[in-house]
Protein backbone atom coordinates (compact mmCIF):
# COMPACT_ATOMS: atom_id res chain seq x y z
CA UNK A 1 -131.39 16.25 -7.11
CA UNK A 2 -128.78 13.83 -5.81
CA UNK A 3 -125.04 14.15 -6.25
CA UNK A 4 -122.21 11.80 -5.42
CA UNK A 5 -118.84 13.20 -4.40
CA UNK A 6 -115.73 11.79 -2.74
CA UNK A 7 -115.40 12.72 0.93
CA UNK A 8 -111.90 14.19 0.52
CA UNK A 9 -113.04 16.41 -2.35
CA UNK A 10 -116.05 17.64 -0.36
CA UNK A 11 -113.97 18.35 2.74
CA UNK A 12 -111.43 20.33 0.72
CA UNK A 13 -114.12 22.49 -0.90
CA UNK A 14 -116.02 23.06 2.35
CA UNK A 15 -112.77 23.88 4.14
CA UNK A 16 -111.94 26.56 1.60
CA UNK A 17 -115.44 28.04 1.84
CA UNK A 18 -115.34 27.86 5.64
CA UNK A 19 -112.18 29.96 5.73
CA UNK A 20 -114.13 32.97 4.43
CA UNK A 21 -117.39 32.41 6.34
CA UNK A 22 -117.58 34.79 9.27
CA UNK A 23 -117.76 33.00 12.64
CA UNK A 24 -119.51 35.76 14.58
CA UNK A 25 -122.24 36.95 12.30
CA UNK A 26 -125.40 38.87 12.98
CA UNK A 27 -127.18 37.58 9.88
CA UNK A 28 -127.73 33.77 9.98
CA UNK A 29 -127.53 33.35 6.18
CA UNK A 30 -123.87 34.41 6.29
CA UNK A 31 -123.03 31.28 8.31
CA UNK A 32 -123.97 28.91 5.49
CA UNK A 33 -122.40 27.60 2.31
CA UNK A 34 -124.35 27.51 -0.96
CA UNK A 35 -123.70 24.45 -3.14
CA UNK A 36 -124.74 24.85 -6.78
CA UNK A 37 -124.67 22.04 -9.35
CA UNK A 38 -124.77 22.72 -13.09
CA UNK A 39 -124.22 19.73 -15.30
CA UNK A 40 -120.87 18.25 -14.30
CA UNK A 41 -119.82 21.37 -12.34
CA UNK A 42 -120.32 21.93 -8.61
CA UNK A 43 -119.70 25.38 -7.10
CA UNK A 44 -119.37 26.24 -3.40
CA UNK A 45 -120.18 29.81 -2.37
């Protein structure tokens, strides 16, 4: 799947997700952001 998104929009969403991602984690999966696309919606978790 390919998506196209404006840089400013992507940076804003990643910045918000980054604010809750723990910097010093013991479980590597907690250092990542999940991007889900469903139709016209994109969700960052």
